[in-house]
Amino acid sequence: MVDYPELGPFKIGDNILGDLEVVGLLGVGGHAYVYECVDTYVDAKLAVKVIPNVPGRGKELLKRAHAEAKLLYKLSHPNVVRVTTARQVGEKMVCIVMEKLEGLSLRQFLRLHKRLTVTEA
């Protein structure tokens, strides 16, 4: 595991939840890291959102991450990423495994187009 907070708890080549090998870091948010992974069992690219338990936050962050995972798993819509599974790893983190989408992020799209139309929004 990497000790540098900006890179998150994993580095390239690490395994998440057993069969998911980290290929790279896709992004960092307010409380989570999103990694590109390969499921070595079925040879599929996936995204894994890792929400680490920050010292001093107790179990509250893990409870919120669990609630997020349950909600995302239940959602089914063409405009919402599909979650395949989620797991809590001890008291350390919650991992949400989802399909890896290709294309521009919202931030990248807005840099190119400056604003969204009402329909796009």
PDB file of N, CA and C in Angstrom:
ATOM      1  N   MET A   1       0.836  -1.187   0.000  1.00  0.00           N
ATOM      2  CA  MET A   1       0.000   0.000   0.000  1.00  0.00           C
ATOM      3  C   MET A   1       0.877   1.246   0.000  1.00  0.00           C
ATOM      4  N   VAL A   2       0.358   2.294  -0.608  1.00  0.00           N
ATOM      5  CA  VAL A   2       1.075   3.552  -0.719  1.00  0.00           C
ATOM      6  C   VAL A   2       0.735   4.430   0.469  1.00  0.00           C
ATOM      7  N   ASP A   3       1.722   5.139   0.994  1.00  0.00           N
ATOM      8  CA  ASP A   3       1.490   6.021   2.138  1.00  0.00           C
ATOM      9  C   ASP A   3       1.175   7.449   1.722  1.00  0.00           C
ATOM     10  N   TYR A   4       1.186   7.753   0.428  1.00  0.00           N
ATOM     11  CA  TYR A   4       0.953   9.106  -0.037  1.00  0.00           C
ATOM     12  C   TYR A   4      -0.539   9.337  -0.252  1.00  0.00           C
ATOM     13  N   PRO A   5      -1.152  10.225   0.527  1.00  0.00           N
ATOM     14  CA  PRO A   5      -2.599  10.390   0.464  1.00  0.00           C
ATOM     15  C   PRO A   5      -3.108  10.806  -0.912  1.00  0.00           C
ATOM     16  N   GLU A   6      -2.334  11.569  -1.694  1.00  0.00           N
ATOM     17  CA  GLU A   6      -2.814  12.012  -2.998  1.00  0.00           C
ATOM     18  C   GLU A   6      -2.932  10.854  -3.996  1.00  0.00           C
ATOM     19  N   LEU A   7      -2.232   9.755  -3.743  1.00  0.00           N
ATOM     20  CA  LEU A   7      -2.308   8.590  -4.623  1.00  0.00           C
ATOM     21  C   LEU A   7      -3.313   7.566  -4.124  1.00  0.00           C
ATOM     22  N   GLY A   8      -3.773   7.714  -2.911  1.00  0.00           N
ATOM     23  CA  GLY A   8      -4.743   6.789  -2.364  1.00  0.00           C
ATOM     24  C   GLY A   8      -4.091   5.583  -1.725  1.00  0.00           C
ATOM     25  N   PRO A   9      -4.921   4.652  -1.282  1.00  0.00           N
ATOM     26  CA  PRO A   9      -4.404   3.506  -0.541  1.00  0.00           C
ATOM     27  C   PRO A   9      -3.782   2.411  -1.415  1.00  0.00           C
ATOM     28  N   PHE A  10      -3.914   2.504  -2.769  1.00  0.00           N
ATOM     29  CA  PHE A  10      -3.387   1.457  -3.635  1.00  0.00           C
ATOM     30  C   PHE A  10      -2.438   2.018  -4.674  1.00  0.00           C
ATOM     31  N   LYS A  11      -1.598   1.144  -5.222  1.00  0.00           N
ATOM     32  CA  LYS A  11      -0.710   1.519  -6.313  1.00  0.00           C
ATOM     33  C   LYS A  11      -0.873   0.510  -7.444  1.00  0.00           C
ATOM     34  N   ILE A  12      -0.350   0.826  -8.612  1.00  0.00           N
ATOM     35  CA  ILE A  12      -0.451  -0.060  -9.763  1.00  0.00           C
ATOM     36  C   ILE A  12       0.122  -1.429  -9.410  1.00  0.00           C
ATOM     37  N   GLY A  13      -0.641  -2.457  -9.762  1.00  0.00           N
ATOM     38  CA  GLY A  13      -0.232  -3.837  -9.487  1.00  0.00           C
ATOM     39  C   GLY A  13      -0.832  -4.415  -8.221  1.00  0.00           C
ATOM     40  N   ASP A  14      -1.338  -3.558  -7.315  1.00  0.00           N
ATOM     41  CA  ASP A  14      -1.991  -4.060  -6.102  1.00  0.00           C
ATOM     42  C   ASP A  14      -3.300  -4.754  -6.470  1.00  0.00           C
ATOM     43  N   ASN A  15      -3.760  -5.613  -5.585  1.00  0.00           N
ATOM     44  CA  ASN A  15      -5.045  -6.287  -5.769  1.00  0.00           C
ATOM     45  C   ASN A  15      -6.064  -5.737  -4.794  1.00  0.00           C
ATOM     46  N   ILE A  16      -7.265  -5.508  -5.323  1.00  0.00           N
ATOM     47  CA  ILE A  16      -8.393  -5.062  -4.521  1.00  0.00           C
ATOM     48  C   ILE A  16      -9.403  -6.203  -4.513  1.00  0.00           C
ATOM     49  N   LEU A  17      -9.846  -6.592  -3.359  1.00  0.00           N
ATOM     50  CA  LEU A  17     -10.855  -7.638  -3.214  1.00  0.00           C
ATOM     51  C   LEU A  17     -10.473  -8.943  -3.913  1.00  0.00           C
ATOM     52  N   GLY A  18      -9.204  -9.230  -3.973  1.00  0.00           N
ATOM     53  CA  GLY A  18      -8.752 -10.514  -4.506  1.00  0.00           C
ATOM     54  C   GLY A  18      -8.401 -10.525  -5.970  1.00  0.00           C
ATOM     55  N   ASP A  19      -9.404 -10.461  -6.859  1.00  0.00           N
ATOM     56  CA  ASP A  19      -9.169 -10.629  -8.290  1.00  0.00           C
ATOM     57  C   ASP A  19      -9.073  -9.330  -9.083  1.00  0.00           C
ATOM     58  N   LEU A  20      -9.147  -8.187  -8.438  1.00  0.00           N
ATOM     59  CA  LEU A  20      -9.128  -6.911  -9.145  1.00  0.00           C
ATOM     60  C   LEU A  20      -7.741  -6.287  -9.056  1.00  0.00           C
ATOM     61  N   GLU A  21      -7.033  -6.266 -10.186  1.00  0.00           N
ATOM     62  CA  GLU A  21      -5.671  -5.722 -10.218  1.00  0.00           C
ATOM     63  C   GLU A  21      -5.716  -4.257 -10.633  1.00  0.00           C
ATOM     64  N   VAL A  22      -5.076  -3.391  -9.847  1.00  0.00           N
ATOM     65  CA  VAL A  22      -5.062  -1.962 -10.116  1.00  0.00           C
ATOM     66  C   VAL A  22      -4.193  -1.668 -11.334  1.00  0.00           C
ATOM     67  N   VAL A  23      -4.796  -0.953 -12.307  1.00  0.00           N
ATOM     68  CA  VAL A  23      -4.091  -0.549 -13.518  1.00  0.00           C
ATOM     69  C   VAL A  23      -3.661   0.908 -13.407  1.00  0.00           C
ATOM     70  N   GLY A  24      -4.480   1.729 -12.744  1.00  0.00           N
ATOM     71  CA  GLY A  24      -4.151   3.138 -12.591  1.00  0.00           C
ATOM     72  C   GLY A  24      -5.184   3.866 -11.759  1.00  0.00           C
ATOM     73  N   LEU A  25      -4.853   5.104 -11.417  1.00  0.00           N
ATOM     74  CA  LEU A  25      -5.759   5.966 -10.661  1.00  0.00           C
ATOM     75  C   LEU A  25      -6.520   6.833 -11.654  1.00  0.00           C
ATOM     76  N   LEU A  26      -7.856   6.717 -11.684  1.00  0.00           N
ATOM     77  CA  LEU A  26      -8.681   7.490 -12.604  1.00  0.00           C
ATOM     78  C   LEU A  26      -9.004   8.877 -12.071  1.00  0.00           C
ATOM     79  N   GLY A  27      -9.194   8.983 -10.770  1.00  0.00           N
ATOM     80  CA  GLY A  27      -9.551  10.277 -10.210  1.00  0.00           C
ATOM     81  C   GLY A  27      -9.620  10.261  -8.705  1.00  0.00           C
ATOM     82  N   VAL A  28      -9.633  11.473  -8.149  1.00  0.00           N
ATOM     83  CA  VAL A  28      -9.700  11.664  -6.708  1.00  0.00           C
ATOM     84  C   VAL A  28     -10.804  12.668  -6.431  1.00  0.00           C
ATOM     85  N   GLY A  29     -11.655  12.350  -5.460  1.00  0.00           N
ATOM     86  CA  GLY A  29     -12.727  13.256  -5.074  1.00  0.00           C
ATOM     87  C   GLY A  29     -12.549  13.721  -3.652  1.00  0.00           C
ATOM     88  N   GLY A  30     -13.608  14.247  -3.082  1.00  0.00           N
ATOM     89  CA  GLY A  30     -13.551  14.779  -1.731  1.00  0.00           C
ATOM     90  C   GLY A  30     -13.206  13.752  -0.672  1.00  0.00           C
ATOM     91  N   HIS A  31     -13.692  12.533  -0.833  1.00  0.00           N
ATOM     92  CA  HIS A  31     -13.435  11.500   0.170  1.00  0.00           C
ATOM     93  C   HIS A  31     -13.145  10.132  -0.448  1.00  0.00           C
ATOM     94  N   ALA A  32     -12.897  10.084  -1.754  1.00  0.00           N
ATOM     95  CA  ALA A  32     -12.723   8.779  -2.396  1.00  0.00           C
ATOM     96  C   ALA A  32     -11.692   8.830  -3.519  1.00  0.00           C
ATOM     97  N   TYR A  33     -11.221   7.648  -3.866  1.00  0.00           N
ATOM     98  CA  TYR A  33     -10.302   7.442  -4.981  1.00  0.00           C
ATOM     99  C   TYR A  33     -10.983   6.481  -5.942  1.00  0.00           C
ATOM    100  N   VAL A  34     -10.832   6.712  -7.248  1.00  0.00           N
ATOM    101  CA  VAL A  34     -11.397   5.799  -8.232  1.00  0.00           C
ATOM    102  C   VAL A  34     -10.245   5.230  -9.049  1.00  0.00           C
ATOM    103  N   TYR A  35     -10.159   3.906  -9.032  1.00  0.00           N
ATOM    104  CA  TYR A  35      -9.094   3.200  -9.726  1.00  0.00           C
ATOM    105  C   TYR A  35      -9.643   2.453 -10.935  1.00  0.00           C
ATOM    106  N   GLU A  36      -8.834   2.381 -11.995  1.00  0.00           N
ATOM    107  CA  GLU A  36      -9.117   1.462 -13.083  1.00  0.00           C
ATOM    108  C   GLU A  36      -8.500   0.137 -12.686  1.00  0.00           C
ATOM    109  N   CYS A  37      -9.296  -0.916 -12.785  1.00  0.00           N
ATOM    110  CA  CYS A  37      -8.833  -2.251 -12.422  1.00  0.00           C
ATOM    111  C   CYS A  37      -9.181  -3.239 -13.521  1.00  0.00           C
ATOM    112  N   VAL A  38      -8.480  -4.354 -13.521  1.00  0.00           N
ATOM    113  CA  VAL A  38      -8.810  -5.469 -14.399  1.00  0.00           C
ATOM    114  C   VAL A  38      -9.207  -6.628 -13.513  1.00  0.00           C
ATOM    115  N   ASP A  39     -10.390  -7.177 -13.784  1.00  0.00           N
ATOM    116  CA  ASP A  39     -10.800  -8.396 -13.103  1.00  0.00           C
ATOM    117  C   ASP A  39     -10.030  -9.526 -13.766  1.00  0.00           C
ATOM    118  N   THR A  40      -9.043 -10.054 -13.085  1.00  0.00           N
ATOM    119  CA  THR A  40      -8.159 -11.054 -13.680  1.00  0.00           C
ATOM    120  C   THR A  40      -8.855 -12.384 -13.919  1.00  0.00           C
ATOM    121  N   TYR A  41      -9.996 -12.608 -13.294  1.00  0.00           N
ATOM    122  CA  TYR A  41     -10.726 -13.861 -13.480  1.00  0.00           C
ATOM    123  C   TYR A  41     -11.474 -13.864 -14.810  1.00  0.00           C
ATOM    124  N   VAL A  42     -12.139 -12.759 -15.145  1.00  0.00           N
ATOM    125  CA  VAL A  42     -12.916 -12.693 -16.386  1.00  0.00           C
ATOM    126  C   VAL A  42     -12.300 -11.745 -17.418  1.00  0.00           C
ATOM    127  N   ASP A  43     -11.142 -11.156 -17.100  1.00  0.00           N
ATOM    128  CA  ASP A  43     -10.421 -10.249 -17.996  1.00  0.00           C
ATOM    129  C   ASP A  43     -11.293  -9.078 -18.443  1.00  0.00           C
ATOM    130  N   ALA A  44     -11.854  -8.356 -17.466  1.00  0.00           N
ATOM    131  CA  ALA A  44     -12.719  -7.214 -17.759  1.00  0.00           C
ATOM    132  C   ALA A  44     -12.197  -5.967 -17.057  1.00  0.00           C
ATOM    133  N   LYS A  45     -12.294  -4.813 -17.741  1.00  0.00           N
ATOM    134  CA  LYS A  45     -11.925  -3.541 -17.139  1.00  0.00           C
ATOM    135  C   LYS A  45     -13.079  -3.041 -16.282  1.00  0.00           C
ATOM    136  N   LEU A  46     -12.758  -2.594 -15.086  1.00  0.00           N
ATOM    137  CA  LEU A  46     -13.750  -2.082 -14.149  1.00  0.00           C
ATOM    138  C   LEU A  46     -13.219  -0.825 -13.489  1.00  0.00           C
ATOM    139  N   ALA A  47     -14.105  -0.084 -12.881  1.00  0.00           N
ATOM    140  CA  ALA A  47     -13.716   1.043 -12.034  1.00  0.00           C
ATOM    141  C   ALA A  47     -14.065   0.663 -10.601  1.00  0.00           C
ATOM    142  N   VAL A  48     -13.182   1.007  -9.676  1.00  0.00           N
ATOM    143  CA  VAL A  48     -13.430   0.712  -8.265  1.00  0.00           C
ATOM    144  C   VAL A  48     -13.294   2.011  -7.478  1.00  0.00           C
ATOM    145  N   LYS A  49     -14.388   2.421  -6.858  1.00  0.00           N
ATOM    146  CA  LYS A  49     -14.384   3.587  -5.984  1.00  0.00           C
ATOM    147  C   LYS A  49     -14.009   3.098  -4.595  1.00  0.00           C
ATOM    148  N   VAL A  50     -12.923   3.653  -4.064  1.00  0.00           N
ATOM    149  CA  VAL A  50     -12.432   3.256  -2.748  1.00  0.00           C
ATOM    150  C   VAL A  50     -12.638   4.432  -1.799  1.00  0.00           C
ATOM    151  N   ILE A  51     -13.409   4.175  -0.751  1.00  0.00           N
ATOM    152  CA  ILE A  51     -13.686   5.205   0.251  1.00  0.00           C
ATOM    153  C   ILE A  51     -13.000   4.774   1.538  1.00  0.00           C
ATOM    154  N   PRO A  52     -11.800   5.340   1.800  1.00  0.00           N
ATOM    155  CA  PRO A  52     -11.078   4.938   3.001  1.00  0.00           C
ATOM    156  C   PRO A  52     -11.693   5.554   4.251  1.00  0.00           C
ATOM    157  N   ASN A  53     -11.557   4.851   5.364  1.00  0.00           N
ATOM    158  CA  ASN A  53     -12.011   5.369   6.648  1.00  0.00           C
ATOM    159  C   ASN A  53     -10.929   6.308   7.176  1.00  0.00           C
ATOM    160  N   VAL A  54     -11.253   7.571   7.205  1.00  0.00           N
ATOM    161  CA  VAL A  54     -10.302   8.582   7.652  1.00  0.00           C
ATOM    162  C   VAL A  54     -10.187   8.538   9.171  1.00  0.00           C
ATOM    163  N   PRO A  55      -8.969   8.520   9.717  1.00  0.00           N
ATOM    164  CA  PRO A  55      -8.823   8.531  11.179  1.00  0.00           C
ATOM    165  C   PRO A  55      -9.600   9.694  11.797  1.00  0.00           C
ATOM    166  N   GLY A  56     -10.295   9.405  12.866  1.00  0.00           N
ATOM    167  CA  GLY A  56     -11.071  10.434  13.544  1.00  0.00           C
ATOM    168  C   GLY A  56     -12.512  10.505  13.082  1.00  0.00           C
ATOM    169  N   ARG A  57     -12.855   9.845  11.974  1.00  0.00           N
ATOM    170  CA  ARG A  57     -14.227   9.871  11.481  1.00  0.00           C
ATOM    171  C   ARG A  57     -15.065   8.739  12.055  1.00  0.00           C
ATOM    172  N   GLY A  58     -14.399   7.797  12.745  1.00  0.00           N
ATOM    173  CA  GLY A  58     -15.125   6.688  13.337  1.00  0.00           C
ATOM    174  C   GLY A  58     -15.799   5.852  12.271  1.00  0.00           C
ATOM    175  N   LYS A  59     -16.948   5.290  12.618  1.00  0.00           N
ATOM    176  CA  LYS A  59     -17.666   4.434  11.684  1.00  0.00           C
ATOM    177  C   LYS A  59     -18.649   5.209  10.808  1.00  0.00           C
ATOM    178  N   GLU A  60     -18.784   6.502  11.037  1.00  0.00           N
ATOM    179  CA  GLU A  60     -19.763   7.304  10.291  1.00  0.00           C
ATOM    180  C   GLU A  60     -19.480   7.298   8.786  1.00  0.00           C
ATOM    181  N   LEU A  61     -18.245   7.487   8.389  1.00  0.00           N
ATOM    182  CA  LEU A  61     -17.909   7.502   6.964  1.00  0.00           C
ATOM    183  C   LEU A  61     -18.176   6.140   6.327  1.00  0.00           C
ATOM    184  N   LEU A  62     -17.842   5.069   7.036  1.00  0.00           N
ATOM    185  CA  LEU A  62     -18.095   3.727   6.508  1.00  0.00           C
ATOM    186  C   LEU A  62     -19.597   3.466   6.379  1.00  0.00           C
ATOM    187  N   LYS A  63     -20.397   3.951   7.321  1.00  0.00           N
ATOM    188  CA  LYS A  63     -21.848   3.785   7.240  1.00  0.00           C
ATOM    189  C   LYS A  63     -22.404   4.541   6.040  1.00  0.00           C
ATOM    190  N   ARG A  64     -21.909   5.748   5.804  1.00  0.00           N
ATOM    191  CA  ARG A  64     -22.360   6.538   4.655  1.00  0.00           C
ATOM    192  C   ARG A  64     -21.937   5.872   3.350  1.00  0.00           C
ATOM    193  N   ALA A  65     -20.719   5.327   3.312  1.00  0.00           N
ATOM    194  CA  ALA A  65     -20.230   4.640   2.118  1.00  0.00           C
ATOM    195  C   ALA A  65     -21.066   3.391   1.838  1.00  0.00           C
ATOM    196  N   HIS A  66     -21.439   2.677   2.892  1.00  0.00           N
ATOM    197  CA  HIS A  66     -22.290   1.494   2.738  1.00  0.00           C
ATOM    198  C   HIS A  66     -23.652   1.884   2.173  1.00  0.00           C
ATOM    199  N   ALA A  67     -24.223   2.958   2.684  1.00  0.00           N
ATOM    200  CA  ALA A  67     -25.524   3.441   2.189  1.00  0.00           C
ATOM    201  C   ALA A  67     -25.415   3.851   0.718  1.00  0.00           C
ATOM    202  N   GLU A  68     -24.324   4.509   0.340  1.00  0.00           N
ATOM    203  CA  GLU A  68     -24.101   4.904  -1.048  1.00  0.00           C
ATOM    204  C   GLU A  68     -24.026   3.671  -1.944  1.00  0.00           C
ATOM    205  N   ALA A  69     -23.281   2.664  -1.505  1.00  0.00           N
ATOM    206  CA  ALA A  69     -23.122   1.439  -2.283  1.00  0.00           C
ATOM    207  C   ALA A  69     -24.473   0.744  -2.488  1.00  0.00           C
ATOM    208  N   LYS A  70     -25.277   0.659  -1.428  1.00  0.00           N
ATOM    209  CA  LYS A  70     -26.588   0.003  -1.523  1.00  0.00           C
ATOM    210  C   LYS A  70     -27.501   0.740  -2.506  1.00  0.00           C
ATOM    211  N   LEU A  71     -27.487   2.067  -2.428  1.00  0.00           N
ATOM    212  CA  LEU A  71     -28.327   2.863  -3.313  1.00  0.00           C
ATOM    213  C   LEU A  71     -27.882   2.717  -4.770  1.00  0.00           C
ATOM    214  N   LEU A  72     -26.583   2.851  -5.027  1.00  0.00           N
ATOM    215  CA  LEU A  72     -26.081   2.729  -6.392  1.00  0.00           C
ATOM    216  C   LEU A  72     -26.346   1.347  -6.973  1.00  0.00           C
ATOM    217  N   TYR A  73     -26.247   0.315  -6.151  1.00  0.00           N
ATOM    218  CA  TYR A  73     -26.479  -1.041  -6.621  1.00  0.00           C
ATOM    219  C   TYR A  73     -27.927  -1.229  -7.094  1.00  0.00           C
ATOM    220  N   LYS A  74     -28.847  -0.553  -6.424  1.00  0.00           N
ATOM    221  CA  LYS A  74     -30.271  -0.692  -6.749  1.00  0.00           C
ATOM    222  C   LYS A  74     -30.686   0.124  -7.977  1.00  0.00           C
ATOM    223  N   LEU A  75     -29.901   1.143  -8.329  1.00  0.00           N
ATOM    224  CA  LEU A  75     -30.262   2.005  -9.452  1.00  0.00           C
ATOM    225  C   LEU A  75     -30.040   1.294 -10.778  1.00  0.00           C
ATOM    226  N   SER A  76     -30.959   1.500 -11.696  1.00  0.00           N
ATOM    227  CA  SER A  76     -30.830   0.956 -13.035  1.00  0.00           C
ATOM    228  C   SER A  76     -31.363   1.994 -14.011  1.00  0.00           C
ATOM    229  N   HIS A  77     -30.440   2.675 -14.695  1.00  0.00           N
ATOM    230  CA  HIS A  77     -30.816   3.721 -15.638  1.00  0.00           C
ATOM    231  C   HIS A  77     -29.685   3.877 -16.641  1.00  0.00           C
ATOM    232  N   PRO A  78     -29.996   4.152 -17.909  1.00  0.00           N
ATOM    233  CA  PRO A  78     -28.944   4.288 -18.922  1.00  0.00           C
ATOM    234  C   PRO A  78     -27.916   5.386 -18.618  1.00  0.00           C
ATOM    235  N   ASN A  79     -28.294   6.371 -17.815  1.00  0.00           N
ATOM    236  CA  ASN A  79     -27.387   7.475 -17.510  1.00  0.00           C
ATOM    237  C   ASN A  79     -26.698   7.345 -16.155  1.00  0.00           C
ATOM    238  N   VAL A  80     -26.811   6.167 -15.538  1.00  0.00           N
ATOM    239  CA  VAL A  80     -26.179   5.929 -14.237  1.00  0.00           C
ATOM    240  C   VAL A  80     -25.267   4.720 -14.370  1.00  0.00           C
ATOM    241  N   VAL A  81     -24.048   4.861 -13.872  1.00  0.00           N
ATOM    242  CA  VAL A  81     -23.089   3.762 -13.938  1.00  0.00           C
ATOM    243  C   VAL A  81     -23.644   2.540 -13.213  1.00  0.00           C
ATOM    244  N   ARG A  82     -23.357   1.349 -13.751  1.00  0.00           N
ATOM    245  CA  ARG A  82     -23.855   0.096 -13.158  1.00  0.00           C
ATOM    246  C   ARG A  82     -22.856  -0.430 -12.134  1.00  0.00           C
ATOM    247  N   VAL A  83     -23.326  -0.611 -10.915  1.00  0.00           N
ATOM    248  CA  VAL A  83     -22.507  -1.153  -9.833  1.00  0.00           C
ATOM    249  C   VAL A  83     -22.702  -2.662  -9.802  1.00  0.00           C
ATOM    250  N   THR A  84     -21.588  -3.410  -9.779  1.00  0.00           N
ATOM    251  CA  THR A  84     -21.690  -4.867  -9.771  1.00  0.00           C
ATOM    252  C   THR A  84     -21.609  -5.454  -8.369  1.00  0.00           C
ATOM    253  N   THR A  85     -20.846  -4.826  -7.502  1.00  0.00           N
ATOM    254  CA  THR A  85     -20.754  -5.293  -6.115  1.00  0.00           C
ATOM    255  C   THR A  85     -20.082  -4.214  -5.266  1.00  0.00           C
ATOM    256  N   ALA A  86     -20.134  -4.399  -3.976  1.00  0.00           N
ATOM    257  CA  ALA A  86     -19.448  -3.513  -3.032  1.00  0.00           C
ATOM    258  C   ALA A  86     -19.102  -4.319  -1.799  1.00  0.00           C
ATOM    259  N   ARG A  87     -17.994  -3.969  -1.181  1.00  0.00           N
ATOM    260  CA  ARG A  87     -17.552  -4.677   0.023  1.00  0.00           C
ATOM    261  C   ARG A  87     -16.865  -3.699   0.973  1.00  0.00           C
ATOM    262  N   GLN A  88     -17.051  -3.958   2.263  1.00  0.00           N
ATOM    263  CA  GLN A  88     -16.287  -3.246   3.277  1.00  0.00           C
ATOM    264  C   GLN A  88     -15.083  -4.104   3.616  1.00  0.00           C
ATOM    265  N   VAL A  89     -13.924  -3.479   3.680  1.00  0.00           N
ATOM    266  CA  VAL A  89     -12.683  -4.182   4.005  1.00  0.00           C
ATOM    267  C   VAL A  89     -12.321  -3.832   5.447  1.00  0.00           C
ATOM    268  N   GLY A  90     -12.698  -4.708   6.369  1.00  0.00           N
ATOM    269  CA  GLY A  90     -12.458  -4.464   7.792  1.00  0.00           C
ATOM    270  C   GLY A  90     -13.025  -3.119   8.203  1.00  0.00           C
ATOM    271  N   GLU A  91     -12.262  -2.396   8.982  1.00  0.00           N
ATOM    272  CA  GLU A  91     -12.640  -1.032   9.374  1.00  0.00           C
ATOM    273  C   GLU A  91     -11.869  -0.008   8.546  1.00  0.00           C
ATOM    274  N   LYS A  92     -11.217  -0.478   7.461  1.00  0.00           N
ATOM    275  CA  LYS A  92     -10.323   0.379   6.687  1.00  0.00           C
ATOM    276  C   LYS A  92     -11.000   1.145   5.558  1.00  0.00           C
ATOM    277  N   MET A  93     -11.928   0.492   4.821  1.00  0.00           N
ATOM    278  CA  MET A  93     -12.470   1.139   3.625  1.00  0.00           C
ATOM    279  C   MET A  93     -13.680   0.392   3.100  1.00  0.00           C
ATOM    280  N   VAL A  94     -14.400   1.090   2.204  1.00  0.00           N
ATOM    281  CA  VAL A  94     -15.471   0.479   1.427  1.00  0.00           C
ATOM    282  C   VAL A  94     -15.058   0.586  -0.038  1.00  0.00           C
ATOM    283  N   CYS A  95     -15.235  -0.515  -0.793  1.00  0.00           N
ATOM    284  CA  CYS A  95     -14.908  -0.557  -2.211  1.00  0.00           C
ATOM    285  C   CYS A  95     -16.187  -0.798  -3.000  1.00  0.00           C
ATOM    286  N   ILE A  96     -16.464   0.081  -3.960  1.00  0.00           N
ATOM    287  CA  ILE A  96     -17.639  -0.041  -4.813  1.00  0.00           C
ATOM    288  C   ILE A  96     -17.138  -0.358  -6.218  1.00  0.00           C
ATOM    289  N   VAL A  97     -17.494  -1.546  -6.718  1.00  0.00           N
ATOM    290  CA  VAL A  97     -17.024  -2.019  -8.017  1.00  0.00           C
ATOM    291  C   VAL A  97     -18.096  -1.720  -9.052  1.00  0.00           C
ATOM    292  N   MET A  98     -17.707  -1.051 -10.152  1.00  0.00           N
ATOM    293  CA  MET A  98     -18.666  -0.644 -11.170  1.00  0.00           C
ATOM    294  C   MET A  98     -18.078  -0.772 -12.567  1.00  0.00           C
ATOM    295  N   GLU A  99     -18.963  -0.680 -13.546  1.00  0.00           N
ATOM    296  CA  GLU A  99     -18.487  -0.702 -14.925  1.00  0.00           C
ATOM    297  C   GLU A  99     -17.582   0.502 -15.155  1.00  0.00           C
ATOM    298  N   LYS A 100     -16.598   0.341 -16.042  1.00  0.00           N
ATOM    299  CA  LYS A 100     -15.719   1.458 -16.397  1.00  0.00           C
ATOM    300  C   LYS A 100     -16.245   2.068 -17.680  1.00  0.00           C
ATOM    301  N   LEU A 101     -16.633   3.316 -17.591  1.00  0.00           N
ATOM    302  CA  LEU A 101     -17.155   4.020 -18.749  1.00  0.00           C
ATOM    303  C   LEU A 101     -16.027   4.727 -19.486  1.00  0.00           C
ATOM    304  N   GLU A 102     -16.153   4.828 -20.792  1.00  0.00           N
ATOM    305  CA  GLU A 102     -15.192   5.548 -21.614  1.00  0.00           C
ATOM    306  C   GLU A 102     -15.796   6.891 -21.996  1.00  0.00           C
ATOM    307  N   GLY A 103     -14.956   7.867 -22.242  1.00  0.00           N
ATOM    308  CA  GLY A 103     -15.441   9.169 -22.691  1.00  0.00           C
ATOM    309  C   GLY A 103     -14.939  10.273 -21.784  1.00  0.00           C
ATOM    310  N   LEU A 104     -15.524  11.430 -21.964  1.00  0.00           N
ATOM    311  CA  LEU A 104     -15.132  12.614 -21.212  1.00  0.00           C
ATOM    312  C   LEU A 104     -15.814  12.656 -19.852  1.00  0.00           C
ATOM    313  N   SER A 105     -15.097  13.179 -18.878  1.00  0.00           N
ATOM    314  CA  SER A 105     -15.732  13.469 -17.592  1.00  0.00           C
ATOM    315  C   SER A 105     -16.543  14.749 -17.761  1.00  0.00           C
ATOM    316  N   LEU A 106     -17.418  15.024 -16.820  1.00  0.00           N
ATOM    317  CA  LEU A 106     -18.190  16.264 -16.869  1.00  0.00           C
ATOM    318  C   LEU A 106     -17.252  17.463 -16.869  1.00  0.00           C
ATOM    319  N   ARG A 107     -16.217  17.421 -16.071  1.00  0.00           N
ATOM    320  CA  ARG A 107     -15.249  18.524 -16.010  1.00  0.00           C
ATOM    321  C   ARG A 107     -14.600  18.742 -17.374  1.00  0.00           C
ATOM    322  N   GLN A 108     -14.189  17.664 -18.043  1.00  0.00           N
ATOM    323  CA  GLN A 108     -13.569  17.777 -19.367  1.00  0.00           C
ATOM    324  C   GLN A 108     -14.565  18.333 -20.390  1.00  0.00           C
ATOM    325  N   PHE A 109     -15.808  17.845 -20.337  1.00  0.00           N
ATOM    326  CA  PHE A 109     -16.844  18.318 -21.256  1.00  0.00           C
ATOM    327  C   PHE A 109     -17.070  19.816 -21.093  1.00  0.00           C
ATOM    328  N   LEU A 110     -17.151  20.279 -19.847  1.00  0.00           N
ATOM    329  CA  LEU A 110     -17.394  21.697 -19.594  1.00  0.00           C
ATOM    330  C   LEU A 110     -16.212  22.564 -20.033  1.00  0.00           C
ATOM    331  N   ARG A 111     -15.002  22.042 -19.920  1.00  0.00           N
ATOM    332  CA  ARG A 111     -13.837  22.795 -20.416  1.00  0.00           C
ATOM    333  C   ARG A 111     -13.932  23.002 -21.927  1.00  0.00           C
ATOM    334  N   LEU A 112     -14.448  22.000 -22.630  1.00  0.00           N
ATOM    335  CA  LEU A 112     -14.579  22.093 -24.081  1.00  0.00           C
ATOM    336  C   LEU A 112     -15.766  22.941 -24.518  1.00  0.00           C
ATOM    337  N   HIS A 113     -16.894  22.799 -23.839  1.00  0.00           N
ATOM    338  CA  HIS A 113     -18.145  23.411 -24.291  1.00  0.00           C
ATOM    339  C   HIS A 113     -18.632  24.562 -23.420  1.00  0.00           C
ATOM    340  N   LYS A 114     -17.976  24.810 -22.337  1.00  0.00           N
ATOM    341  CA  LYS A 114     -18.265  25.924 -21.408  1.00  0.00           C
ATOM    342  C   LYS A 114     -19.564  25.805 -20.624  1.00  0.00           C
ATOM    343  N   ARG A 115     -20.648  25.332 -21.239  1.00  0.00           N
ATOM    344  CA  ARG A 115     -21.904  25.181 -20.503  1.00  0.00           C
ATOM    345  C   ARG A 115     -22.757  24.114 -21.161  1.00  0.00           C
ATOM    346  N   LEU A 116     -23.698  23.616 -20.376  1.00  0.00           N
ATOM    347  CA  LEU A 116     -24.632  22.593 -20.855  1.00  0.00           C
ATOM    348  C   LEU A 116     -25.944  23.250 -21.282  1.00  0.00           C
ATOM    349  N   THR A 117     -26.585  22.663 -22.274  1.00  0.00           N
ATOM    350  CA  THR A 117     -27.950  23.113 -22.613  1.00  0.00           C
ATOM    351  C   THR A 117     -28.885  22.557 -21.545  1.00  0.00           C
ATOM    352  N   VAL A 118     -30.109  23.006 -21.532  1.00  0.00           N
ATOM    353  CA  VAL A 118     -31.088  22.517 -20.574  1.00  0.00           C
ATOM    354  C   VAL A 118     -31.283  21.015 -20.765  1.00  0.00           C
ATOM    355  N   THR A 119     -31.359  20.565 -22.005  1.00  0.00           N
ATOM    356  CA  THR A 119     -31.549  19.148 -22.304  1.00  0.00           C
ATOM    357  C   THR A 119     -30.365  18.330 -21.810  1.00  0.00           C
ATOM    358  N   GLU A 120     -29.143  18.819 -22.030  1.00  0.00           N
ATOM    359  CA  GLU A 120     -27.945  18.090 -21.581  1.00  0.00           C
ATOM    360  C   GLU A 120     -27.868  18.028 -20.063  1.00  0.00           C
ATOM    361  N   ALA A 121     -28.252  19.122 -19.415  1.00  0.00           N
ATOM    362  CA  ALA A 121     -28.197  19.162 -17.959  1.00  0.00           C
ATOM    363  C   ALA A 121     -29.175  18.174 -17.372  1.00  0.00           C
TER     364      ALA A 121
END
